[in-house]
Amino acid sequence: QVQLQESGPGLVRPSQTLSLTCTVSAGSITTNYYYWSWIRQPPGKGLEWIGYINYGGSTYRSPSLKSRTSISRDNAKNTLSLQMNNLQPEDTAVYYCYAGPPDYWGQGTQVTVSS
């Protein structure tokens, strides 16, 4: 069963760049036919899909976040990465790594944007 573990800073200052990493185990980011995705959930709100990279390396990002986000992978390390620029307080959320279908979720990592 695929296991996902997010890592990154818990606190980011406004206008700074967020970098998150998702380490994949018991699965391969280049051969499993999943959509390897980033999803976030702001406090008190629903899930928001950020984007994905598939096994072939193609990426797709939410139009509302596309200008500020980049999704990439490291095949050798079997990791998925998210970079988001110019963070603002409204970007405060729990950020999840996801693979599927079927559904595999990381435990999530809290990111707070505050000065």
C-alpha atoms as a PDB file:
ATOM      1  CA  GLN A   1       0.000   0.000   0.000  1.00  0.00           C
ATOM      2  CA  VAL A   2       1.355   3.381  -1.024  1.00  0.00           C
ATOM      3  CA  GLN A   3       2.437   5.596   1.846  1.00  0.00           C
ATOM      4  CA  LEU A   4       2.877   9.349   1.601  1.00  0.00           C
ATOM      5  CA  GLN A   5       4.633  11.681   4.017  1.00  0.00           C
ATOM      6  CA  GLU A   6       4.654  15.451   3.653  1.00  0.00           C
ATOM      7  CA  SER A   7       7.429  17.630   5.017  1.00  0.00           C
ATOM      8  CA  GLY A   8       8.104  21.340   5.025  1.00  0.00           C
ATOM      9  CA  PRO A   9       8.117  24.489   7.135  1.00  0.00           C
ATOM     10  CA  GLY A  10       5.195  25.070   9.436  1.00  0.00           C
ATOM     11  CA  LEU A  11       5.468  28.860   9.322  1.00  0.00           C
ATOM     12  CA  VAL A  12       6.061  31.042   6.299  1.00  0.00           C
ATOM     13  CA  ARG A  13       6.238  34.834   6.193  1.00  0.00           C
ATOM     14  CA  PRO A  14       3.968  36.723   3.778  1.00  0.00           C
ATOM     15  CA  SER A  15       5.407  37.106   0.273  1.00  0.00           C
ATOM     16  CA  GLN A  16       7.846  34.232   0.829  1.00  0.00           C
ATOM     17  CA  THR A  17       7.975  30.960  -1.079  1.00  0.00           C
ATOM     18  CA  LEU A  18       6.659  27.677   0.286  1.00  0.00           C
ATOM     19  CA  SER A  19       8.444  24.444  -0.545  1.00  0.00           C
ATOM     20  CA  LEU A  20       6.884  21.115   0.423  1.00  0.00           C
ATOM     21  CA  THR A  21       8.096  17.586  -0.234  1.00  0.00           C
ATOM     22  CA  CYS A  22       6.110  14.377  -0.292  1.00  0.00           C
ATOM     23  CA  THR A  23       8.113  11.189   0.224  1.00  0.00           C
ATOM     24  CA  VAL A  24       6.553   8.149  -1.410  1.00  0.00           C
ATOM     25  CA  SER A  25       7.097   4.648  -0.090  1.00  0.00           C
ATOM     26  CA  ALA A  26       5.705   1.272  -1.119  1.00  0.00           C
ATOM     27  CA  GLY A  27       5.079   2.727  -4.556  1.00  0.00           C
ATOM     28  CA  SER A  28       6.812   4.364  -7.502  1.00  0.00           C
ATOM     29  CA  ILE A  29       6.142   7.867  -8.668  1.00  0.00           C
ATOM     30  CA  THR A  30       7.188   6.904 -12.201  1.00  0.00           C
ATOM     31  CA  THR A  31       5.357   3.620 -12.686  1.00  0.00           C
ATOM     32  CA  ASN A  32       2.224   3.656 -10.575  1.00  0.00           C
ATOM     33  CA  TYR A  33      -0.623   4.963 -12.741  1.00  0.00           C
ATOM     34  CA  TYR A  34      -1.744   7.538 -10.225  1.00  0.00           C
ATOM     35  CA  TYR A  35      -2.311  11.235 -10.232  1.00  0.00           C
ATOM     36  CA  TRP A  36       0.269  12.383  -7.696  1.00  0.00           C
ATOM     37  CA  SER A  37      -1.378  15.467  -6.311  1.00  0.00           C
ATOM     38  CA  TRP A  38      -1.244  18.290  -3.847  1.00  0.00           C
ATOM     39  CA  ILE A  39      -4.460  19.289  -2.066  1.00  0.00           C
ATOM     40  CA  ARG A  40      -5.014  21.780   0.720  1.00  0.00           C
ATOM     41  CA  GLN A  41      -7.694  22.569   3.260  1.00  0.00           C
ATOM     42  CA  PRO A  42      -7.888  26.072   4.753  1.00  0.00           C
ATOM     43  CA  PRO A  43      -9.305  26.318   8.278  1.00  0.00           C
ATOM     44  CA  GLY A  44     -13.059  25.955   8.278  1.00  0.00           C
ATOM     45  CA  LYS A  45     -13.200  25.332   4.527  1.00  0.00           C
ATOM     46  CA  GLY A  46     -13.328  22.411   2.152  1.00  0.00           C
ATOM     47  CA  LEU A  47     -10.584  20.673   0.233  1.00  0.00           C
ATOM     48  CA  GLU A  48      -8.930  22.591  -2.591  1.00  0.00           C
ATOM     49  CA  TRP A  49      -7.043  20.723  -5.289  1.00  0.00           C
ATOM     50  CA  ILE A  50      -3.761  22.415  -6.209  1.00  0.00           C
ATOM     51  CA  GLY A  51      -2.496  20.220  -9.014  1.00  0.00           C
ATOM     52  CA  TYR A  52      -0.877  16.952 -10.003  1.00  0.00           C
ATOM     53  CA  ILE A  53       1.960  15.278 -11.815  1.00  0.00           C
ATOM     54  CA  ASN A  54       1.269  11.915 -13.387  1.00  0.00           C
ATOM     55  CA  TYR A  55       3.493   8.868 -13.848  1.00  0.00           C
ATOM     56  CA  GLY A  56       4.597  10.181 -17.247  1.00  0.00           C
ATOM     57  CA  GLY A  57       5.695  13.510 -15.781  1.00  0.00           C
ATOM     58  CA  SER A  58       2.883  15.645 -17.150  1.00  0.00           C
ATOM     59  CA  THR A  59       1.599  18.306 -14.786  1.00  0.00           C
ATOM     60  CA  TYR A  60      -1.668  20.143 -14.384  1.00  0.00           C
ATOM     61  CA  ARG A  61      -2.379  22.924 -11.898  1.00  0.00           C
ATOM     62  CA  SER A  62      -5.556  24.600 -10.728  1.00  0.00           C
ATOM     63  CA  PRO A  63      -6.137  27.710 -12.846  1.00  0.00           C
ATOM     64  CA  SER A  64      -6.628  29.816  -9.730  1.00  0.00           C
ATOM     65  CA  LEU A  65      -3.176  28.883  -8.418  1.00  0.00           C
ATOM     66  CA  LYS A  66      -1.285  28.170 -11.607  1.00  0.00           C
ATOM     67  CA  SER A  67       0.621  31.451 -11.710  1.00  0.00           C
ATOM     68  CA  ARG A  68       2.088  30.871  -8.238  1.00  0.00           C
ATOM     69  CA  THR A  69       2.669  27.119  -8.135  1.00  0.00           C
ATOM     70  CA  SER A  70       5.071  24.564  -9.478  1.00  0.00           C
ATOM     71  CA  ILE A  71       4.826  20.797  -9.093  1.00  0.00           C
ATOM     72  CA  SER A  72       7.773  18.553  -9.766  1.00  0.00           C
ATOM     73  CA  ARG A  73       9.237  15.202  -8.849  1.00  0.00           C
ATOM     74  CA  ASP A  74      12.596  13.628  -8.115  1.00  0.00           C
ATOM     75  CA  ASN A  75      12.608  10.188  -9.693  1.00  0.00           C
ATOM     76  CA  ALA A  76      15.724   9.050  -7.899  1.00  0.00           C
ATOM     77  CA  LYS A  77      14.391  10.031  -4.492  1.00  0.00           C
ATOM     78  CA  ASN A  78      10.808   9.023  -5.315  1.00  0.00           C
ATOM     79  CA  THR A  79       9.489  12.336  -4.061  1.00  0.00           C
ATOM     80  CA  LEU A  80       6.899  14.861  -5.141  1.00  0.00           C
ATOM     81  CA  SER A  81       7.414  18.576  -4.559  1.00  0.00           C
ATOM     82  CA  LEU A  82       5.260  21.681  -4.407  1.00  0.00           C
ATOM     83  CA  GLN A  83       6.535  25.218  -4.661  1.00  0.00           C
ATOM     84  CA  MET A  84       4.178  28.136  -4.124  1.00  0.00           C
ATOM     85  CA  ASN A  85       5.316  31.716  -4.456  1.00  0.00           C
ATOM     86  CA  ASN A  86       4.195  34.949  -2.836  1.00  0.00           C
ATOM     87  CA  LEU A  87       2.328  33.318   0.020  1.00  0.00           C
ATOM     88  CA  GLN A  88      -0.410  35.274   1.737  1.00  0.00           C
ATOM     89  CA  PRO A  89      -2.353  34.651   4.959  1.00  0.00           C
ATOM     90  CA  GLU A  90      -5.193  33.118   2.940  1.00  0.00           C
ATOM     91  CA  ASP A  91      -2.791  30.366   1.911  1.00  0.00           C
ATOM     92  CA  THR A  92      -2.793  29.123   5.488  1.00  0.00           C
ATOM     93  CA  ALA A  93      -4.007  25.537   5.327  1.00  0.00           C
ATOM     94  CA  VAL A  94      -3.228  21.902   5.890  1.00  0.00           C
ATOM     95  CA  TYR A  95      -1.432  20.699   2.782  1.00  0.00           C
ATOM     96  CA  TYR A  96      -1.884  17.071   1.728  1.00  0.00           C
ATOM     97  CA  CYS A  97      -0.081  14.785  -0.635  1.00  0.00           C
ATOM     98  CA  TYR A  98      -2.469  12.466  -2.490  1.00  0.00           C
ATOM     99  CA  ALA A  99      -2.170   9.576  -4.924  1.00  0.00           C
ATOM    100  CA  GLY A 100      -5.000   7.944  -6.759  1.00  0.00           C
ATOM    101  CA  PRO A 101      -7.330   6.664  -7.744  1.00  0.00           C
ATOM    102  CA  PRO A 102      -7.665   4.717  -5.505  1.00  0.00           C
ATOM    103  CA  ASP A 103      -7.212   7.128  -2.662  1.00  0.00           C
ATOM    104  CA  TYR A 104      -3.940   7.348  -0.760  1.00  0.00           C
ATOM    105  CA  TRP A 105      -3.411  10.341   1.505  1.00  0.00           C
ATOM    106  CA  GLY A 106      -0.522  11.681   3.510  1.00  0.00           C
ATOM    107  CA  GLN A 107      -1.227  12.810   7.037  1.00  0.00           C
ATOM    108  CA  GLY A 108      -1.018  16.443   6.009  1.00  0.00           C
ATOM    109  CA  THR A 109       1.247  19.256   7.106  1.00  0.00           C
ATOM    110  CA  GLN A 110       0.064  22.541   8.603  1.00  0.00           C
ATOM    111  CA  VAL A 111       1.333  25.660   6.865  1.00  0.00           C
ATOM    112  CA  THR A 112       0.688  29.009   8.522  1.00  0.00           C
ATOM    113  CA  VAL A 113       1.396  32.265   6.733  1.00  0.00           C
ATOM    114  CA  SER A 114       2.014  35.009   9.244  1.00  0.00           C
ATOM    115  CA  SER A 115       4.449  37.777   9.993  1.00  0.00           C
END
